[in-house]
Protein backbone atom coordinates (compact mmCIF):
# COMPACT_ATOMS: atom_id res chain seq x y z
CA UNK A 1 0.05 0.06 0.01
CA UNK A 2 1.33 3.31 -1.12
CA UNK A 3 2.46 5.64 2.03
CA UNK A 4 0.22 8.27 0.87
CA UNK A 5 -3.14 7.81 -0.93
CA UNK A 6 -3.97 10.83 -2.58
CA UNK A 7 -3.92 11.65 -6.02
CA UNK A 8 -0.84 13.75 -6.57
CA UNK A 9 1.48 15.96 -9.04
CA UNK A 10 3.69 13.42 -11.23
CA UNK A 11 6.91 15.01 -9.17
CA UNK A 12 5.44 14.37 -5.93
CA UNK A 13 5.36 10.49 -7.07
CA UNK A 14 8.73 9.74 -6.22
CA UNK A 15 8.30 10.85 -2.56
CA UNK A 16 5.84 8.12 -1.95
CA UNK A 17 6.89 4.74 -0.99
CA UNK A 18 4.92 1.21 -0.66
CA UNK A 19 4.69 -0.07 2.65
CA UNK A 20 3.22 -2.70 4.38
CA UNK A 21 0.22 -1.90 6.11
CA UNK A 22 -0.99 -3.84 9.38
CA UNK A 23 -3.99 -3.97 11.62
CA UNK A 24 -4.20 -4.96 15.51
CA UNK A 25 -7.02 -5.31 17.63
CA UNK A 26 -6.88 -5.37 21.43
CA UNK A 27 -8.95 -8.58 22.60
CA UNK A 28 -9.71 -6.54 25.68
CA UNK A 29 -11.16 -3.25 24.64
CA UNK A 30 -11.72 -3.84 20.73
CA UNK A 31 -9.91 -0.95 19.73
CA UNK A 32 -8.47 -1.42 16.35
CA UNK A 33 -4.96 0.12 16.07
CA UNK A 34 -2.16 0.50 12.85
CA UNK A 35 0.92 -1.39 14.20
CA UNK A 36 2.40 -1.02 10.91
CA UNK A 37 1.87 2.60 9.13
CA UNK A 38 3.60 5.32 7.44
CA UNK A 39 6.01 7.66 10.16
CA UNK A 40 4.91 10.89 11.99
CA UNK A 41 6.88 12.97 9.10
CA UNK A 42 5.62 10.97 5.94
CA UNK A 43 1.93 11.85 7.67
CA UNK A 44 3.09 15.27 8.35
CA UNK A 45 4.33 16.02 4.90
CA UNK A 46 1.13 14.01 2.87
CA UNK A 47 -1.31 16.41 4.73
CA UNK A 48 0.34 19.28 3.78
CA UNK A 49 0.25 18.22 0.44
CA UNK A 50 -2.84 16.77 0.31
CA UNK A 51 -6.17 18.71 -1.10
CA UNK A 52 -8.85 16.50 -0.06
CA UNK A 53 -12.06 16.19 -2.62
CA UNK A 54 -14.14 19.11 -1.98
CA UNK A 55 -17.57 17.75 -1.17
CA UNK A 56 -19.69 20.33 -3.59
CA UNK A 57 -17.12 19.45 -6.40
CA UNK A 58 -16.95 15.66 -5.36
CA UNK A 59 -20.46 14.82 -4.89
CA UNK A 60 -19.60 14.20 -1.34
CA UNK A 61 -22.19 16.58 0.39
CA UNK A 62 -24.63 13.96 1.54
CA UNK A 63 -22.42 12.72 4.21
CA UNK A 64 -22.63 15.97 6.17
CA UNK A 65 -26.02 16.53 6.08
CA UNK A 66 -26.77 13.81 9.25
CA UNK A 67 -23.95 15.51 11.44
CA UNK A 68 -25.42 19.21 10.26
CA UNK A 69 -28.62 17.99 11.37
CA UNK A 70 -27.43 16.50 14.55
CA UNK A 71 -25.94 19.31 15.74
CA UNK A 72 -28.37 21.72 14.57
CA UNK A 73 -30.65 19.97 16.86
CA UNK A 74 -28.58 19.61 19.93
CA UNK A 75 -27.39 23.14 20.47
CA UNK A 76 -28.58 26.64 20.38
CA UNK A 77 -28.14 29.01 17.67
CA UNK A 78 -25.82 31.06 19.87
CA UNK A 79 -23.47 28.26 20.62
CA UNK A 80 -19.78 28.84 20.03
CA UNK A 81 -18.60 25.62 17.40
CA UNK A 82 -14.95 24.65 17.04
CA UNK A 83 -14.48 22.10 13.98
CA UNK A 84 -10.81 20.54 13.80
CA UNK A 85 -10.34 19.13 10.36
CA UNK A 86 -12.37 21.77 8.63
CA UNK A 87 -11.17 20.74 5.04
CA UNK A 88 -12.83 23.78 2.80
CA UNK A 89 -15.15 25.01 5.44
CA UNK A 90 -18.05 22.94 4.02
CA UNK A 91 -19.56 21.74 7.53
CA UNK A 92 -19.28 25.55 8.79
CA UNK A 93 -20.26 26.95 5.94
CA UNK A 94 -23.51 24.81 6.08
CA UNK A 95 -23.84 25.61 10.26
CA UNK A 96 -23.86 29.23 9.07
CA UNK A 97 -26.92 28.70 6.74
CA UNK A 98 -28.31 27.39 9.72
CA UNK A 99 -27.79 30.13 11.84
CA UNK A 100 -24.72 29.91 13.40
CA UNK A 101 -22.26 32.52 13.55
CA UNK A 102 -19.78 31.84 16.28
CA UNK A 103 -18.08 29.18 14.15
CA UNK A 104 -14.28 28.47 13.49
CA UNK A 105 -11.60 25.66 12.99
CA UNK A 106 -8.26 24.75 12.12
CA UNK A 107 -6.96 22.29 9.16
CA UNK A 108 -3.40 21.26 8.01
CA UNK A 109 -4.07 21.06 4.34
CA UNK A 110 -4.09 23.43 1.34
CA UNK A 111 -7.74 23.24 1.40
CA UNK A 112 -7.96 26.14 4.29
CA UNK A 113 -7.43 28.75 1.51
CA UNK A 114 -11.12 27.71 0.33
CA UNK A 115 -12.50 28.17 3.84
CA UNK A 116 -11.16 31.30 3.71
CA UNK A 117 -12.50 32.03 0.99
CA UNK A 118 -16.00 31.77 2.16
CA UNK A 119 -15.02 34.56 5.08
CA UNK A 120 -14.58 31.24 7.43
CA UNK A 121 -12.19 31.77 10.48
CA UNK A 122 -10.45 28.72 9.66
CA UNK A 123 -6.38 28.79 11.08
CA UNK A 124 -3.89 26.47 8.87
CA UNK A 125 -2.34 23.90 10.83
CA UNK A 126 -2.46 20.90 13.26
CA UNK A 127 -4.54 20.75 15.93
CA UNK A 128 -2.67 21.51 19.36
CA UNK A 129 -3.94 22.59 22.72
CA UNK A 130 -2.06 25.86 22.33
CA UNK A 131 -4.60 26.70 19.25
CA UNK A 132 -7.58 26.79 21.66
CA UNK A 133 -5.41 29.15 24.25
CA UNK A 134 -7.84 29.99 26.98
CA UNK A 135 -11.03 29.70 25.39
CA UNK A 136 -14.24 27.63 26.13
CA UNK A 137 -16.46 26.28 23.53
CA UNK A 138 -19.96 25.03 23.56
CA UNK A 139 -19.26 22.15 20.74
CA UNK A 140 -16.41 20.45 19.34
CA UNK A 141 -16.57 18.85 15.97
CA UNK A 142 -14.47 16.19 14.34
CA UNK A 143 -15.95 14.95 11.19
CA UNK A 144 -13.42 11.89 10.08
CA UNK A 145 -10.39 13.20 11.77
CA UNK A 146 -10.25 11.64 15.06
CA UNK A 147 -8.85 8.27 13.56
CA UNK A 148 -5.94 10.31 12.02
CA UNK A 149 -4.66 11.82 14.99
CA UNK A 150 -1.59 9.85 16.60
CA UNK A 151 -3.28 10.52 20.09
CA UNK A 152 -6.79 10.96 19.81
CA UNK A 153 -7.34 10.30 23.73
CA UNK A 154 -4.76 13.24 24.46
CA UNK A 155 -6.75 15.36 21.97
CA UNK A 156 -10.36 14.07 23.71
CA UNK A 157 -8.62 15.30 27.13
CA UNK A 158 -7.83 18.61 25.88
CA UNK A 159 -11.07 19.17 24.13
CA UNK A 160 -12.96 18.10 27.64
CA UNK A 161 -10.64 20.75 29.01
CA UNK A 162 -11.86 23.50 26.74
CA UNK A 163 -15.51 22.65 26.70
CA UNK A 164 -18.29 25.19 28.32
CA UNK A 165 -20.52 23.42 31.65
CA UNK A 166 -23.39 22.25 28.71
CA UNK A 167 -20.46 21.75 26.06
CA UNK A 168 -20.69 18.81 23.72
CA UNK A 169 -18.18 16.88 21.63
CA UNK A 170 -19.84 15.48 17.75
CA UNK A 171 -17.28 13.11 16.33
CA UNK A 172 -18.04 10.82 13.46
CA UNK A 173 -15.48 8.03 12.29
CA UNK A 174 -15.55 4.98 9.93
CA UNK A 175 -17.12 2.24 11.80
CA UNK A 176 -14.14 -0.25 11.83
CA UNK A 177 -13.50 0.13 8.21
CA UNK A 178 -11.59 2.39 5.83
CA UNK A 179 -8.21 0.50 6.59
CA UNK A 180 -5.41 2.88 5.06
CA UNK A 181 -1.79 4.42 6.30
CA UNK A 182 -3.38 7.77 6.67
CA UNK A 183 -6.20 6.16 9.89
CA UNK A 184 -4.24 4.89 13.06
CA UNK A 185 -7.13 3.68 15.01
CA UNK A 186 -10.25 2.00 14.29
CA UNK A 187 -13.47 2.59 16.33
CA UNK A 188 -16.73 0.60 16.83
CA UNK A 189 -19.34 0.74 19.44
CA UNK A 190 -18.63 -1.41 21.78
CA UNK A 191 -15.45 0.67 22.39
CA UNK A 192 -16.97 4.17 22.12
CA UNK A 193 -19.08 2.78 24.85
CA UNK A 194 -16.40 1.21 27.29
CA UNK A 195 -14.37 4.72 26.82
CA UNK A 196 -17.60 6.53 27.67
CA UNK A 197 -17.96 4.06 31.02
CA UNK A 198 -14.30 4.78 31.98
CA UNK A 199 -13.92 8.41 31.41
CA UNK A 200 -17.51 8.73 32.90
CA UNK A 201 -19.00 10.79 29.94
CA UNK A 202 -22.51 10.84 28.75
CA UNK A 203 -23.10 9.19 25.40
CA UNK A 204 -25.78 11.87 24.16
CA UNK A 205 -26.27 9.38 20.94
CA UNK A 206 -24.69 6.98 19.16
CA UNK A 207 -25.60 6.17 15.36
CA UNK A 208 -24.03 3.92 12.77
CA UNK A 209 -24.32 1.76 9.76
CA UNK A 210 -21.93 -0.38 8.21
CA UNK A 211 -19.20 2.24 7.47
CA UNK A 212 -20.25 5.09 9.82
CA UNK A 213 -20.17 5.56 13.44
CA UNK A 214 -21.28 8.82 14.83
CA UNK A 215 -21.75 10.06 18.15
CA UNK A 216 -22.26 12.99 20.60
CA UNK A 217 -20.19 13.15 24.10
CA UNK A 218 -21.67 15.43 26.55
CA UNK A 219 -19.68 15.17 29.87
CA UNK A 220 -22.52 16.64 31.96
CA UNK A 221 -24.72 13.27 31.56
CA UNK A 222 -21.88 10.86 33.50
CA UNK A 223 -22.09 7.41 32.18
CA UNK A 224 -25.90 8.16 31.34
CA UNK A 225 -26.60 6.60 27.51
CA UNK A 226 -29.83 8.25 26.16
CA UNK A 227 -29.06 6.64 22.57
CA UNK A 228 -30.89 3.11 23.34
CA UNK A 229 -30.33 1.83 19.68
CA UNK A 230 -28.03 -0.90 21.19
CA UNK A 231 -28.90 -4.65 19.85
CA UNK A 232 -27.63 -7.74 21.35
CA UNK A 233 -25.14 -8.66 18.86
CA UNK A 234 -23.46 -5.42 19.51
CA UNK A 235 -20.71 -7.00 20.92
CA UNK A 236 -16.94 -8.41 20.45
CA UNK A 237 -18.31 -10.99 18.44
CA UNK A 238 -20.15 -8.94 15.75
CA UNK A 239 -16.78 -6.74 15.62
CA UNK A 240 -14.42 -9.63 14.86
CA UNK A 241 -17.14 -10.96 12.35
CA UNK A 242 -17.11 -7.45 10.58
CA UNK A 243 -13.34 -7.65 10.06
CA UNK A 244 -13.43 -11.03 9.04
CA UNK A 245 -16.17 -10.27 6.37
CA UNK A 246 -14.52 -7.71 5.29
CA UNK A 247 -11.32 -9.16 4.54
CA UNK A 248 -13.20 -11.98 2.56
CA UNK A 249 -14.95 -9.27 0.69
CA UNK A 250 -11.89 -7.56 -0.07
CA UNK A 251 -10.48 -10.68 -1.24
CA UNK A 252 -13.35 -11.45 -3.69
CA UNK A 253 -13.40 -8.02 -5.15
CA UNK A 254 -9.94 -8.44 -6.17
CA UNK A 255 -10.42 -11.78 -7.72
CA UNK A 256 -13.24 -10.46 -9.56
CA UNK A 257 -11.32 -7.09 -10.61
CA UNK A 258 -8.40 -9.09 -11.98
CA UNK A 259 -10.78 -11.98 -13.90
CA UNK A 260 -12.77 -9.08 -15.71
CA UNK A 261 -9.78 -6.58 -16.43
CA UNK A 262 -7.39 -9.48 -17.46
CA UNK A 263 -9.96 -11.67 -19.66
CA UNK A 264 -11.10 -9.08 -21.55
CA UNK A 265 -9.94 -8.56 -25.45
CA UNK A 266 -7.51 -6.20 -26.52
CA UNK A 267 -10.38 -3.60 -27.81
CA UNK A 268 -11.90 -3.30 -25.10
CA UNK A 269 -12.01 -0.22 -22.64
CA UNK A 270 -13.12 0.21 -18.97
CA UNK A 271 -13.49 3.31 -16.83
CA UNK A 272 -12.42 3.77 -13.21
CA UNK A 273 -14.19 6.45 -11.91
CA UNK A 274 -12.62 7.85 -8.55
CA UNK A 275 -9.26 8.84 -7.16
CA UNK A 276 -9.88 8.90 -3.45
CA UNK A 277 -8.04 6.70 -0.87
CA UNK A 278 -10.31 3.85 -1.03
CA UNK A 279 -9.41 3.80 -5.18
CA UNK A 280 -6.00 4.43 -4.58
CA UNK A 281 -5.94 1.29 -2.41
CA UNK A 282 -7.84 -1.10 -4.60
CA UNK A 283 -5.95 -0.09 -7.69
CA UNK A 284 -2.55 -1.08 -5.44
CA UNK A 285 -3.49 -4.30 -4.93
CA UNK A 286 -3.86 -5.30 -8.50
CA UNK A 287 -0.75 -7.01 -9.92
CA UNK A 288 1.62 -4.56 -12.13
CA UNK A 289 1.46 -6.99 -14.68
CA UNK A 290 -2.40 -6.17 -15.53
CA UNK A 291 -1.78 -2.49 -15.94
CA UNK A 292 1.05 -3.11 -18.68
CA UNK A 293 -1.73 -5.61 -20.17
CA UNK A 294 -4.27 -2.65 -20.36
CA UNK A 295 -2.17 0.06 -21.03
CA UNK A 296 -4.34 3.02 -22.35
CA UNK A 297 -7.72 1.07 -22.44
CA UNK A 298 -8.36 1.34 -18.33
CA UNK A 299 -9.61 5.28 -18.10
CA UNK A 300 -9.33 6.55 -14.61
CA UNK A 301 -11.25 9.71 -14.29
CA UNK A 302 -12.89 11.82 -11.32
CA UNK A 303 -15.75 13.78 -10.52
CA UNK A 304 -13.63 16.55 -9.46
CA UNK A 305 -12.08 18.42 -12.29
CA UNK A 306 -9.11 19.85 -10.24
CA UNK A 307 -8.10 16.16 -10.04
CA UNK A 308 -7.33 15.97 -13.84
CA UNK A 309 -3.94 15.62 -15.04
CA UNK A 310 -2.90 14.15 -11.30
CA UNK A 311 -1.77 10.94 -11.01
CA UNK A 312 -2.46 7.75 -8.64
CA UNK A 313 0.33 6.86 -6.41
CA UNK A 314 1.91 3.69 -6.56
CA UNK A 315 0.51 2.83 -9.78
CA UNK A 316 1.08 5.97 -11.63
CA UNK A 317 -1.81 6.03 -13.35
CA UNK A 318 -3.12 9.46 -15.01
CA UNK A 319 -6.32 10.99 -13.99
CA UNK A 320 -8.15 11.92 -17.26
CA UNK A 321 -10.46 14.77 -17.39
CA UNK A 322 -14.09 13.97 -16.65
CA UNK A 323 -15.63 15.33 -19.90
CA UNK A 324 -13.08 12.89 -22.09
CA UNK A 325 -15.73 10.27 -21.09
CA UNK A 326 -18.69 11.72 -22.57
CA UNK A 327 -20.03 9.44 -25.10
CA UNK A 328 -17.92 6.51 -24.33
CA UNK A 329 -18.94 2.54 -24.73
CA UNK A 330 -17.27 0.73 -22.07
CA UNK A 331 -17.29 -2.88 -20.85
CA UNK A 332 -17.29 -1.82 -17.37
CA UNK A 333 -17.84 1.36 -15.48
CA UNK A 334 -16.15 0.92 -12.07
CA UNK A 335 -17.15 3.12 -9.34
CA UNK A 336 -14.27 3.48 -7.02
CA UNK A 337 -16.56 5.56 -4.46
CA UNK A 338 -19.07 5.74 -2.12
CA UNK A 339 -21.23 8.16 -4.16
CA UNK A 340 -22.84 5.57 -6.62
CA UNK A 341 -25.91 7.00 -7.46
CA UNK A 342 -24.36 10.48 -7.80
CA UNK A 343 -22.06 8.96 -10.34
CA UNK A 344 -24.87 6.74 -12.34
CA UNK A 345 -26.30 9.93 -13.04
CA UNK A 346 -23.61 12.16 -13.84
CA UNK A 347 -22.23 8.96 -16.12
CA UNK A 348 -26.16 9.11 -17.98
CA UNK A 349 -25.55 13.03 -18.43
CA UNK A 350 -22.24 12.05 -20.16
CA UNK A 351 -23.93 9.32 -22.50
CA UNK A 352 -21.72 6.61 -21.27
CA UNK A 353 -22.56 3.33 -22.23
CA UNK A 354 -21.24 0.79 -19.79
CA UNK A 355 -22.09 -2.97 -20.26
CA UNK A 356 -21.87 -3.07 -16.52
CA UNK A 357 -21.72 -0.84 -13.48
CA UNK A 358 -19.59 -2.53 -10.78
CA UNK A 359 -19.42 -0.32 -7.45
CA UNK A 360 -16.34 -1.31 -5.62
CA UNK A 361 -16.76 0.53 -2.13
CA UNK A 362 -20.13 0.09 -1.16
């Protein structure tokens, strides 16, 4: 797996190395963690370089709706909110449209410039306790950020120290999935419940599906759990089974991909739509000989026009402008993104004719 899983310029490719990824699980608390991952220096460099997919461009707005609604229904409109990992300020912008005004955040990537253009108070840099100074906040928001931190629990301690008496912490993370170098920790429902119990934190809400874990911490509740959506199977066996099934699913997916790509005739074309982390990881698990065999017949594209001309690290595949896909007839449209519905619609608008459409990440 490449040490960085983001589309990049050609001159950056040589700075990215391929290294093993290893996931371990604590048998006692069920916390997952990357026991082999990129170094701290590599991660810091990566975040300083990485222009994440911007939600309005890459059709990634739907994942924010639930968090915006959760925050809006939980806080007074006068609440002072700080977001860690603000990207281009999309979530803060949505909260501003809801009427919230006291908004700020921090973001290490170049996307911070987009947030500032929107008039949002987002600092550039990594989150540290010094950024908060002596300020108190009514809410902290971490949207797919907590799993990236080298010490998420030290971060949580800092946030608790800077909460107002009625303050809350809103967090969304992958639900024990998203296996990649950038994710250093892997959370699940049983672990979050245990953490709240041991830290004497109220779990105001705990929502989840197969891929997402979203929760709100309220220290004032003191171990009380308002959410009652737990099921009898919400235990360690379910977590272990999920990992086993995910491992099997990935192996089956790779087998299917290799078969479909390697058995096609010499004139067959394929579109690979998506250049995010999940896409990069799958492409790097395919045998190099397959890319030599396919050559230019495997067309990689993305809904974000800013990614055209960049490259997939590891396999060094160029990302083609989306418009060049217009009117193509292909054997298979591989959707390497979770936004399958949106991509199907856009492919139809581009009059792409695919004999088969294969979602890879849903």
